[in-house]
Amino acid sequence: YTLPITKPGIYPGIPLTEYHGKEICAGPSISASGLKRIADCPLKYWYYSALNPDRPAPKKSDDLDLGSAAHDLILDGIGWPDRYHVLPRGFSRAASVKQAQAIADADAAIAAGKTTLKQDDYDTVLKMAEAIKAHPIHTALSRGKAEHTIAWQDAETGVWLRCRPDFLPDNQRFIPDYKTTKS
């Protein structure tokens, strides 16, 4: 891919951090999430906008990391090892001598931009992937394109519009959207 996007189309390979973290089109662009924020409160939209130089860093949590890891493994397992690092069972930074290598490995992974997962969370992600693969819905996630960015310009305003469906099936009768939840 080459940024900024200058032509309408379907673009593979744009990292999610870039899709959400900076302007990816040749002019200002907006997604459905951005439109929802504007409808709620225009100042809230600006606060979280990639165009805001004082934008806060995205919030992180173990639950969000687990959901993202499951989403990524199920929809696009190819690049998964480049984005995640699984901590050994019983990992503790307090055991600095006993787990010096594990701590060094975790620090290197974080420095490389990887998300770290506890071993139990990784086990849960694997079970989630197994459950999806065993379900008939999995066929809807097996023939098509995962995590491609779609961009086009509104003919009336010239504003770039963009979306990033979880999966674009070759047979586009419906577009699945994978979600995780605690319950």
N, C-alpha and C. Protein backbone atom coordinates (compact mmCIF):
# COMPACT_ATOMS: atom_id res chain seq x y z
N TYR A 1 0.84 -1.18 0.00
CA TYR A 1 0.00 0.00 0.00
C TYR A 1 0.88 1.25 0.00
N THR A 2 0.34 2.32 -0.50
CA THR A 2 1.02 3.60 -0.49
C THR A 2 0.07 4.64 0.08
N LEU A 3 0.53 5.35 1.09
CA LEU A 3 -0.30 6.41 1.67
C LEU A 3 0.27 7.75 1.25
N PRO A 4 -0.54 8.74 1.06
CA PRO A 4 -1.98 8.71 1.27
C PRO A 4 -2.71 8.05 0.10
N ILE A 5 -3.92 7.60 0.40
CA ILE A 5 -4.79 7.04 -0.63
C ILE A 5 -5.26 8.20 -1.52
N THR A 6 -5.09 8.04 -2.82
CA THR A 6 -5.47 9.09 -3.75
C THR A 6 -6.56 8.67 -4.73
N LYS A 7 -6.89 7.37 -4.73
CA LYS A 7 -7.91 6.86 -5.64
C LYS A 7 -8.87 5.96 -4.87
N PRO A 8 -10.16 6.01 -5.22
CA PRO A 8 -11.10 5.10 -4.58
C PRO A 8 -10.67 3.64 -4.83
N GLY A 9 -10.85 2.79 -3.84
CA GLY A 9 -10.53 1.39 -4.02
C GLY A 9 -10.50 0.61 -2.72
N ILE A 10 -10.07 -0.63 -2.84
CA ILE A 10 -9.93 -1.54 -1.70
C ILE A 10 -8.43 -1.74 -1.50
N TYR A 11 -7.94 -1.45 -0.29
CA TYR A 11 -6.51 -1.44 -0.01
C TYR A 11 -6.15 -2.44 1.08
N PRO A 12 -5.32 -3.44 0.74
CA PRO A 12 -4.84 -4.38 1.75
C PRO A 12 -3.61 -3.83 2.47
N GLY A 13 -3.35 -4.37 3.64
CA GLY A 13 -2.06 -4.15 4.29
C GLY A 13 -1.90 -2.87 5.08
N ILE A 14 -2.93 -2.06 5.22
CA ILE A 14 -2.79 -0.85 6.03
C ILE A 14 -2.97 -1.26 7.49
N PRO A 15 -1.93 -1.08 8.30
CA PRO A 15 -2.05 -1.47 9.71
C PRO A 15 -3.18 -0.70 10.42
N LEU A 16 -3.82 -1.37 11.35
CA LEU A 16 -4.92 -0.75 12.08
C LEU A 16 -4.45 0.51 12.80
N THR A 17 -3.22 0.51 13.30
CA THR A 17 -2.70 1.70 13.98
C THR A 17 -2.64 2.89 13.04
N GLU A 18 -2.34 2.66 11.76
CA GLU A 18 -2.33 3.75 10.79
C GLU A 18 -3.75 4.14 10.40
N TYR A 19 -4.61 3.16 10.21
CA TYR A 19 -6.00 3.45 9.84
C TYR A 19 -6.65 4.37 10.87
N HIS A 20 -6.43 4.07 12.15
CA HIS A 20 -7.03 4.87 13.23
C HIS A 20 -6.13 6.02 13.69
N GLY A 21 -4.83 5.92 13.43
CA GLY A 21 -3.89 6.84 14.05
C GLY A 21 -3.44 8.03 13.24
N LYS A 22 -3.75 8.05 11.94
CA LYS A 22 -3.35 9.21 11.14
C LYS A 22 -4.27 9.33 9.94
N GLU A 23 -4.14 10.46 9.26
CA GLU A 23 -4.95 10.66 8.06
C GLU A 23 -4.37 9.81 6.94
N ILE A 24 -5.15 8.88 6.40
CA ILE A 24 -4.63 7.96 5.38
C ILE A 24 -5.02 8.35 3.96
N CYS A 25 -5.89 9.33 3.83
CA CYS A 25 -6.35 9.73 2.49
C CYS A 25 -5.72 11.06 2.08
N ALA A 26 -5.83 11.38 0.81
CA ALA A 26 -5.23 12.60 0.26
C ALA A 26 -5.87 13.87 0.82
N GLY A 27 -7.02 13.76 1.41
CA GLY A 27 -7.68 14.88 2.06
C GLY A 27 -8.35 14.38 3.31
N PRO A 28 -8.97 15.26 4.08
CA PRO A 28 -9.65 14.80 5.30
C PRO A 28 -10.61 13.65 4.98
N SER A 29 -10.63 12.67 5.85
CA SER A 29 -11.51 11.52 5.66
C SER A 29 -12.26 11.23 6.94
N ILE A 30 -13.32 10.46 6.79
CA ILE A 30 -14.12 10.12 7.96
C ILE A 30 -14.69 8.71 7.78
N SER A 31 -14.84 8.03 8.90
CA SER A 31 -15.40 6.68 8.93
C SER A 31 -16.75 6.73 9.63
N ALA A 32 -17.43 5.60 9.70
CA ALA A 32 -18.71 5.53 10.40
C ALA A 32 -18.53 5.90 11.87
N SER A 33 -17.42 5.46 12.48
CA SER A 33 -17.17 5.80 13.89
C SER A 33 -17.04 7.30 14.06
N GLY A 34 -16.35 7.95 13.12
CA GLY A 34 -16.20 9.40 13.18
C GLY A 34 -17.54 10.11 13.03
N LEU A 35 -18.38 9.62 12.13
CA LEU A 35 -19.70 10.22 11.94
C LEU A 35 -20.55 10.07 13.20
N LYS A 36 -20.45 8.92 13.86
CA LYS A 36 -21.19 8.71 15.12
C LYS A 36 -20.72 9.69 16.18
N ARG A 37 -19.39 9.91 16.25
CA ARG A 37 -18.86 10.86 17.24
C ARG A 37 -19.32 12.28 16.94
N ILE A 38 -19.30 12.67 15.67
CA ILE A 38 -19.76 14.01 15.31
C ILE A 38 -21.22 14.18 15.69
N ALA A 39 -22.05 13.17 15.42
CA ALA A 39 -23.47 13.25 15.76
C ALA A 39 -23.66 13.38 17.27
N ASP A 40 -22.80 12.72 18.04
CA ASP A 40 -22.87 12.80 19.49
C ASP A 40 -22.38 14.15 19.98
N CYS A 41 -21.19 14.57 19.48
CA CYS A 41 -20.60 15.83 19.94
C CYS A 41 -19.41 16.16 19.03
N PRO A 42 -19.50 17.23 18.24
CA PRO A 42 -18.39 17.57 17.34
C PRO A 42 -17.06 17.76 18.06
N LEU A 43 -17.08 18.30 19.28
CA LEU A 43 -15.83 18.47 20.01
C LEU A 43 -15.22 17.12 20.40
N LYS A 44 -16.08 16.15 20.72
CA LYS A 44 -15.60 14.80 21.02
C LYS A 44 -14.92 14.19 19.78
N TYR A 45 -15.52 14.43 18.61
CA TYR A 45 -14.89 13.95 17.38
C TYR A 45 -13.49 14.54 17.24
N TRP A 46 -13.37 15.85 17.40
CA TRP A 46 -12.06 16.50 17.26
C TRP A 46 -11.07 15.96 18.31
N TYR A 47 -11.53 15.76 19.52
CA TYR A 47 -10.67 15.30 20.61
C TYR A 47 -9.99 13.97 20.23
N TYR A 48 -10.75 13.06 19.62
CA TYR A 48 -10.21 11.75 19.26
C TYR A 48 -9.68 11.67 17.83
N SER A 49 -9.80 12.74 17.07
CA SER A 49 -9.41 12.74 15.66
C SER A 49 -7.90 12.60 15.47
N ALA A 50 -7.52 11.88 14.42
CA ALA A 50 -6.10 11.75 14.06
C ALA A 50 -5.52 13.10 13.66
N LEU A 51 -6.36 14.05 13.33
CA LEU A 51 -5.89 15.39 12.96
C LEU A 51 -5.56 16.25 14.18
N ASN A 52 -6.02 15.85 15.36
CA ASN A 52 -5.78 16.60 16.59
C ASN A 52 -4.37 16.30 17.10
N PRO A 53 -3.47 17.28 17.12
CA PRO A 53 -2.10 17.01 17.59
C PRO A 53 -2.03 16.67 19.08
N ASP A 54 -3.08 17.00 19.84
CA ASP A 54 -3.11 16.70 21.28
C ASP A 54 -4.00 15.50 21.60
N ARG A 55 -4.27 14.70 20.61
CA ARG A 55 -5.12 13.53 20.78
C ARG A 55 -4.53 12.61 21.86
N PRO A 56 -5.38 12.10 22.76
CA PRO A 56 -4.86 11.19 23.79
C PRO A 56 -4.48 9.84 23.18
N ALA A 57 -3.56 9.17 23.82
CA ALA A 57 -3.17 7.82 23.38
C ALA A 57 -4.36 6.89 23.58
N PRO A 58 -4.54 5.93 22.67
CA PRO A 58 -5.65 4.98 22.85
C PRO A 58 -5.50 4.22 24.17
N LYS A 59 -6.64 3.97 24.82
CA LYS A 59 -6.62 3.22 26.07
C LYS A 59 -6.31 1.76 25.80
N LYS A 60 -5.56 1.16 26.70
CA LYS A 60 -5.21 -0.26 26.59
C LYS A 60 -5.79 -0.99 27.80
N SER A 61 -6.16 -2.23 27.59
CA SER A 61 -6.60 -3.09 28.69
C SER A 61 -6.40 -4.53 28.27
N ASP A 62 -6.29 -5.40 29.26
CA ASP A 62 -6.14 -6.82 28.95
C ASP A 62 -7.33 -7.34 28.15
N ASP A 63 -8.55 -6.86 28.48
CA ASP A 63 -9.75 -7.31 27.75
C ASP A 63 -9.70 -6.88 26.29
N LEU A 64 -9.30 -5.63 26.04
CA LEU A 64 -9.20 -5.16 24.65
C LEU A 64 -8.11 -5.93 23.91
N ASP A 65 -6.99 -6.20 24.59
CA ASP A 65 -5.91 -6.95 23.97
C ASP A 65 -6.36 -8.36 23.60
N LEU A 66 -7.11 -9.01 24.51
CA LEU A 66 -7.60 -10.36 24.24
C LEU A 66 -8.56 -10.34 23.05
N GLY A 67 -9.49 -9.40 23.03
CA GLY A 67 -10.43 -9.30 21.91
C GLY A 67 -9.72 -9.04 20.59
N SER A 68 -8.74 -8.15 20.60
CA SER A 68 -7.98 -7.85 19.38
C SER A 68 -7.19 -9.07 18.92
N ALA A 69 -6.59 -9.78 19.86
CA ALA A 69 -5.81 -10.97 19.51
C ALA A 69 -6.69 -12.04 18.89
N ALA A 70 -7.89 -12.26 19.46
CA ALA A 70 -8.81 -13.24 18.90
C ALA A 70 -9.26 -12.80 17.50
N HIS A 71 -9.61 -11.57 17.39
CA HIS A 71 -10.03 -11.00 16.10
C HIS A 71 -8.93 -11.20 15.06
N ASP A 72 -7.71 -10.85 15.41
CA ASP A 72 -6.60 -10.96 14.47
C ASP A 72 -6.27 -12.40 14.11
N LEU A 73 -6.29 -13.29 15.08
CA LEU A 73 -5.97 -14.69 14.81
C LEU A 73 -7.04 -15.34 13.92
N ILE A 74 -8.29 -15.06 14.20
CA ILE A 74 -9.38 -15.69 13.47
C ILE A 74 -9.49 -15.12 12.05
N LEU A 75 -9.31 -13.81 11.90
CA LEU A 75 -9.50 -13.19 10.60
C LEU A 75 -8.24 -13.11 9.75
N ASP A 76 -7.08 -13.03 10.40
CA ASP A 76 -5.84 -12.82 9.65
C ASP A 76 -4.68 -13.42 10.42
N GLY A 77 -4.67 -14.73 10.59
CA GLY A 77 -3.66 -15.39 11.40
C GLY A 77 -2.25 -15.30 10.86
N ILE A 78 -2.10 -14.91 9.60
CA ILE A 78 -0.77 -14.91 8.98
C ILE A 78 0.20 -14.00 9.71
N GLY A 79 -0.19 -12.77 10.01
CA GLY A 79 0.72 -11.82 10.65
C GLY A 79 0.67 -11.81 12.16
N TRP A 80 -0.07 -12.75 12.73
CA TRP A 80 -0.29 -12.76 14.17
C TRP A 80 1.01 -12.77 14.98
N PRO A 81 1.98 -13.62 14.67
CA PRO A 81 3.21 -13.63 15.49
C PRO A 81 3.98 -12.31 15.45
N ASP A 82 3.78 -11.52 14.41
CA ASP A 82 4.47 -10.23 14.32
C ASP A 82 3.83 -9.17 15.20
N ARG A 83 2.60 -9.43 15.67
CA ARG A 83 1.87 -8.43 16.44
C ARG A 83 1.71 -8.77 17.92
N TYR A 84 1.95 -10.04 18.28
CA TYR A 84 1.69 -10.48 19.65
C TYR A 84 2.87 -11.26 20.22
N HIS A 85 3.03 -11.14 21.53
CA HIS A 85 4.04 -11.91 22.26
C HIS A 85 3.34 -12.55 23.45
N VAL A 86 3.44 -13.86 23.56
CA VAL A 86 2.80 -14.58 24.66
C VAL A 86 3.80 -14.74 25.80
N LEU A 87 3.39 -14.26 26.96
CA LEU A 87 4.23 -14.36 28.16
C LEU A 87 4.18 -15.80 28.69
N PRO A 88 5.28 -16.28 29.26
CA PRO A 88 5.24 -17.63 29.82
C PRO A 88 4.30 -17.70 31.02
N ARG A 89 3.76 -18.90 31.23
CA ARG A 89 2.86 -19.09 32.37
C ARG A 89 3.61 -18.72 33.66
N GLY A 90 2.94 -17.99 34.53
CA GLY A 90 3.54 -17.57 35.79
C GLY A 90 4.46 -16.36 35.67
N PHE A 91 4.41 -15.68 34.54
CA PHE A 91 5.28 -14.52 34.33
C PHE A 91 5.06 -13.48 35.41
N SER A 92 6.18 -12.98 35.96
CA SER A 92 6.11 -11.93 36.98
C SER A 92 7.35 -11.07 36.90
N ARG A 93 7.16 -9.78 36.75
CA ARG A 93 8.30 -8.86 36.74
C ARG A 93 8.97 -8.80 38.10
N ALA A 94 8.24 -9.17 39.14
CA ALA A 94 8.82 -9.17 40.48
C ALA A 94 9.90 -10.23 40.63
N ALA A 95 9.82 -11.29 39.84
CA ALA A 95 10.83 -12.36 39.88
C ALA A 95 11.96 -12.00 38.90
N SER A 96 12.59 -10.86 39.13
CA SER A 96 13.53 -10.30 38.16
C SER A 96 14.76 -11.17 37.91
N VAL A 97 15.19 -11.95 38.87
CA VAL A 97 16.36 -12.81 38.65
C VAL A 97 15.92 -14.11 37.96
N LYS A 98 14.91 -14.75 38.53
CA LYS A 98 14.44 -16.03 38.02
C LYS A 98 13.89 -15.91 36.60
N GLN A 99 13.26 -14.79 36.29
CA GLN A 99 12.62 -14.63 34.98
C GLN A 99 13.28 -13.53 34.15
N ALA A 100 14.57 -13.36 34.35
CA ALA A 100 15.29 -12.28 33.64
C ALA A 100 15.13 -12.39 32.12
N GLN A 101 15.24 -13.60 31.57
CA GLN A 101 15.12 -13.74 30.12
C GLN A 101 13.71 -13.47 29.64
N ALA A 102 12.72 -13.95 30.39
CA ALA A 102 11.33 -13.72 30.02
C ALA A 102 11.00 -12.23 30.08
N ILE A 103 11.54 -11.54 31.06
CA ILE A 103 11.33 -10.09 31.17
C ILE A 103 12.01 -9.37 30.01
N ALA A 104 13.22 -9.78 29.68
CA ALA A 104 13.94 -9.18 28.55
C ALA A 104 13.19 -9.42 27.25
N ASP A 105 12.66 -10.63 27.07
CA ASP A 105 11.88 -10.95 25.86
C ASP A 105 10.61 -10.10 25.79
N ALA A 106 9.94 -9.94 26.92
CA ALA A 106 8.72 -9.13 26.96
C ALA A 106 9.05 -7.67 26.65
N ASP A 107 10.13 -7.15 27.23
CA ASP A 107 10.52 -5.77 26.97
C ASP A 107 10.88 -5.55 25.50
N ALA A 108 11.55 -6.53 24.91
CA ALA A 108 11.91 -6.43 23.49
C ALA A 108 10.65 -6.44 22.62
N ALA A 109 9.69 -7.28 22.98
CA ALA A 109 8.44 -7.35 22.23
C ALA A 109 7.68 -6.02 22.33
N ILE A 110 7.61 -5.46 23.52
CA ILE A 110 6.93 -4.18 23.71
C ILE A 110 7.64 -3.08 22.91
N ALA A 111 8.97 -3.08 22.96
CA ALA A 111 9.74 -2.08 22.21
C ALA A 111 9.50 -2.22 20.70
N ALA A 112 9.22 -3.43 20.26
CA ALA A 112 8.95 -3.68 18.84
C ALA A 112 7.50 -3.39 18.47
N GLY A 113 6.71 -2.93 19.46
CA GLY A 113 5.32 -2.58 19.18
C GLY A 113 4.34 -3.73 19.30
N LYS A 114 4.79 -4.85 19.84
CA LYS A 114 3.90 -6.01 19.99
C LYS A 114 3.05 -5.86 21.25
N THR A 115 1.89 -6.49 21.22
CA THR A 115 1.01 -6.59 22.37
C THR A 115 1.39 -7.86 23.12
N THR A 116 1.54 -7.75 24.44
CA THR A 116 1.84 -8.95 25.23
C THR A 116 0.53 -9.53 25.77
N LEU A 117 0.48 -10.85 25.76
CA LEU A 117 -0.68 -11.58 26.28
C LEU A 117 -0.23 -12.54 27.36
N LYS A 118 -1.01 -12.60 28.44
CA LYS A 118 -0.77 -13.63 29.45
C LYS A 118 -1.06 -14.98 28.83
N GLN A 119 -0.41 -16.01 29.34
CA GLN A 119 -0.59 -17.36 28.80
C GLN A 119 -2.05 -17.79 28.85
N ASP A 120 -2.76 -17.49 29.95
CA ASP A 120 -4.17 -17.86 30.06
C ASP A 120 -5.02 -17.15 29.00
N ASP A 121 -4.70 -15.90 28.71
CA ASP A 121 -5.43 -15.18 27.67
C ASP A 121 -5.15 -15.78 26.30
N TYR A 122 -3.91 -16.16 26.06
CA TYR A 122 -3.57 -16.81 24.79
C TYR A 122 -4.34 -18.12 24.64
N ASP A 123 -4.42 -18.90 25.71
CA ASP A 123 -5.20 -20.15 25.69
C ASP A 123 -6.66 -19.87 25.34
N THR A 124 -7.21 -18.79 25.91
CA THR A 124 -8.60 -18.41 25.61
C THR A 124 -8.75 -18.04 24.14
N VAL A 125 -7.80 -17.29 23.60
CA VAL A 125 -7.83 -16.91 22.19
C VAL A 125 -7.84 -18.15 21.31
N LEU A 126 -7.00 -19.13 21.63
CA LEU A 126 -6.97 -20.37 20.85
C LEU A 126 -8.30 -21.10 20.91
N LYS A 127 -8.93 -21.12 22.09
CA LYS A 127 -10.23 -21.77 22.23
C LYS A 127 -11.31 -21.03 21.44
N MET A 128 -11.23 -19.71 21.42
CA MET A 128 -12.19 -18.93 20.63
C MET A 128 -12.03 -19.25 19.14
N ALA A 129 -10.80 -19.33 18.69
CA ALA A 129 -10.54 -19.65 17.27
C ALA A 129 -11.05 -21.06 16.95
N GLU A 130 -10.82 -22.01 17.85
CA GLU A 130 -11.32 -23.38 17.64
C GLU A 130 -12.84 -23.39 17.53
N ALA A 131 -13.50 -22.63 18.40
CA ALA A 131 -14.97 -22.59 18.41
C ALA A 131 -15.50 -22.01 17.09
N ILE A 132 -14.88 -20.95 16.61
CA ILE A 132 -15.32 -20.37 15.34
C ILE A 132 -15.09 -21.35 14.19
N LYS A 133 -13.93 -21.99 14.17
CA LYS A 133 -13.62 -22.92 13.08
C LYS A 133 -14.54 -24.14 13.08
N ALA A 134 -15.08 -24.49 14.25
CA ALA A 134 -15.98 -25.63 14.34
C ALA A 134 -17.42 -25.26 13.98
N HIS A 135 -17.71 -23.99 13.89
CA HIS A 135 -19.07 -23.51 13.63
C HIS A 135 -19.28 -23.31 12.12
N PRO A 136 -20.48 -23.58 11.61
CA PRO A 136 -20.74 -23.39 10.18
C PRO A 136 -20.49 -21.96 9.68
N ILE A 137 -20.57 -20.97 10.57
CA ILE A 137 -20.33 -19.58 10.14
C ILE A 137 -18.91 -19.40 9.63
N HIS A 138 -18.01 -20.30 10.02
CA HIS A 138 -16.62 -20.16 9.61
C HIS A 138 -16.46 -20.13 8.10
N THR A 139 -17.35 -20.79 7.37
CA THR A 139 -17.24 -20.76 5.91
C THR A 139 -17.35 -19.32 5.38
N ALA A 140 -18.09 -18.47 6.11
CA ALA A 140 -18.22 -17.06 5.71
C ALA A 140 -16.91 -16.30 5.92
N LEU A 141 -16.00 -16.87 6.71
CA LEU A 141 -14.72 -16.22 7.00
C LEU A 141 -13.56 -16.92 6.32
N SER A 142 -13.85 -17.78 5.36
CA SER A 142 -12.76 -18.55 4.76
C SER A 142 -12.47 -18.21 3.31
N ARG A 143 -13.37 -17.52 2.64
CA ARG A 143 -13.14 -17.17 1.24
C ARG A 143 -13.40 -15.68 1.06
N GLY A 144 -12.31 -14.92 1.03
CA GLY A 144 -12.44 -13.48 0.88
C GLY A 144 -11.20 -12.76 1.38
N LYS A 145 -11.39 -11.52 1.77
CA LYS A 145 -10.28 -10.66 2.19
C LYS A 145 -10.53 -10.16 3.60
N ALA A 146 -9.53 -10.33 4.47
CA ALA A 146 -9.64 -9.84 5.85
C ALA A 146 -8.96 -8.48 5.98
N GLU A 147 -9.61 -7.61 6.74
CA GLU A 147 -9.01 -6.34 7.15
C GLU A 147 -8.48 -5.50 5.99
N HIS A 148 -9.28 -5.32 4.97
CA HIS A 148 -8.92 -4.42 3.86
C HIS A 148 -9.62 -3.07 4.08
N THR A 149 -8.93 -2.02 3.77
CA THR A 149 -9.50 -0.68 3.88
C THR A 149 -10.17 -0.31 2.57
N ILE A 150 -11.38 0.23 2.66
CA ILE A 150 -12.10 0.71 1.49
C ILE A 150 -12.18 2.23 1.60
N ALA A 151 -11.82 2.92 0.54
CA ALA A 151 -11.87 4.39 0.55
C ALA A 151 -12.50 4.89 -0.75
N TRP A 152 -13.27 5.95 -0.63
CA TRP A 152 -13.87 6.58 -1.79
C TRP A 152 -14.19 8.04 -1.43
N GLN A 153 -14.44 8.86 -2.42
CA GLN A 153 -14.76 10.26 -2.19
C GLN A 153 -16.23 10.52 -2.42
N ASP A 154 -16.83 11.28 -1.52
CA ASP A 154 -18.21 11.69 -1.69
C ASP A 154 -18.28 12.65 -2.87
N ALA A 155 -19.12 12.35 -3.83
CA ALA A 155 -19.22 13.16 -5.06
C ALA A 155 -19.67 14.59 -4.78
N GLU A 156 -20.52 14.75 -3.78
CA GLU A 156 -21.08 16.08 -3.51
C GLU A 156 -20.13 16.97 -2.72
N THR A 157 -19.46 16.41 -1.70
CA THR A 157 -18.62 17.23 -0.81
C THR A 157 -17.13 17.09 -1.08
N GLY A 158 -16.72 16.02 -1.74
CA GLY A 158 -15.30 15.76 -1.95
C GLY A 158 -14.61 15.16 -0.74
N VAL A 159 -15.34 14.94 0.36
CA VAL A 159 -14.76 14.35 1.57
C VAL A 159 -14.48 12.88 1.32
N TRP A 160 -13.32 12.43 1.76
CA TRP A 160 -12.98 11.01 1.67
C TRP A 160 -13.74 10.24 2.73
N LEU A 161 -14.30 9.13 2.33
CA LEU A 161 -15.01 8.22 3.23
C LEU A 161 -14.21 6.93 3.28
N ARG A 162 -14.20 6.30 4.44
CA ARG A 162 -13.42 5.07 4.55
C ARG A 162 -14.10 4.11 5.53
N CYS A 163 -13.83 2.84 5.30
CA CYS A 163 -14.31 1.81 6.21
C CYS A 163 -13.32 0.65 6.18
N ARG A 164 -13.42 -0.18 7.18
CA ARG A 164 -12.51 -1.32 7.28
C ARG A 164 -13.31 -2.51 7.80
N PRO A 165 -14.04 -3.15 6.91
CA PRO A 165 -14.79 -4.33 7.34
C PRO A 165 -13.85 -5.42 7.85
N ASP A 166 -14.31 -6.18 8.82
CA ASP A 166 -13.50 -7.30 9.31
C ASP A 166 -13.15 -8.24 8.16
N PHE A 167 -14.13 -8.49 7.32
CA PHE A 167 -13.94 -9.49 6.26
C PHE A 167 -14.85 -9.16 5.08
N LEU A 168 -14.29 -9.21 3.90
CA LEU A 168 -15.07 -9.03 2.67
C LEU A 168 -15.14 -10.38 1.96
N PRO A 169 -16.25 -11.09 2.11
CA PRO A 169 -16.38 -12.39 1.45
C PRO A 169 -16.38 -12.24 -0.07
N ASP A 170 -15.86 -13.25 -0.74
CA ASP A 170 -15.91 -13.23 -2.21
C ASP A 170 -17.36 -13.14 -2.67
N ASN A 171 -18.24 -13.84 -1.96
CA ASN A 171 -19.68 -13.76 -2.20
C ASN A 171 -20.20 -12.70 -1.24
N GLN A 172 -20.39 -11.48 -1.70
CA GLN A 172 -20.68 -10.36 -0.80
C GLN A 172 -22.16 -10.17 -0.51
N ARG A 173 -22.86 -11.26 -0.23
CA ARG A 173 -24.26 -11.15 0.16
C ARG A 173 -24.38 -10.53 1.54
N PHE A 174 -23.40 -10.79 2.40
CA PHE A 174 -23.35 -10.16 3.72
C PHE A 174 -21.89 -10.02 4.12
N ILE A 175 -21.64 -9.11 5.04
CA ILE A 175 -20.28 -8.85 5.51
C ILE A 175 -20.24 -9.15 7.00
N PRO A 176 -19.54 -10.22 7.42
CA PRO A 176 -19.49 -10.56 8.84
C PRO A 176 -18.65 -9.57 9.63
N ASP A 177 -18.99 -9.41 10.90
CA ASP A 177 -18.26 -8.52 11.80
C ASP A 177 -18.01 -9.30 13.09
N TYR A 178 -16.75 -9.62 13.36
CA TYR A 178 -16.39 -10.44 14.51
C TYR A 178 -16.27 -9.57 15.77
N LYS A 179 -16.96 -9.94 16.83
CA LYS A 179 -16.91 -9.23 18.10
C LYS A 179 -16.68 -10.22 19.23
N THR A 180 -16.04 -9.73 20.27
CA THR A 180 -15.89 -10.54 21.49
C THR A 180 -16.59 -9.79 22.61
N THR A 181 -16.95 -10.54 23.64
CA THR A 181 -17.62 -9.95 24.80
C THR A 181 -17.27 -10.76 26.03
N LYS A 182 -17.36 -10.13 27.18
CA LYS A 182 -17.08 -10.85 28.43
C LYS A 182 -18.14 -11.88 28.74
N SER A 183 -19.40 -11.58 28.41
CA SER A 183 -20.50 -12.47 28.77
C SER A 183 -20.63 -13.62 27.78
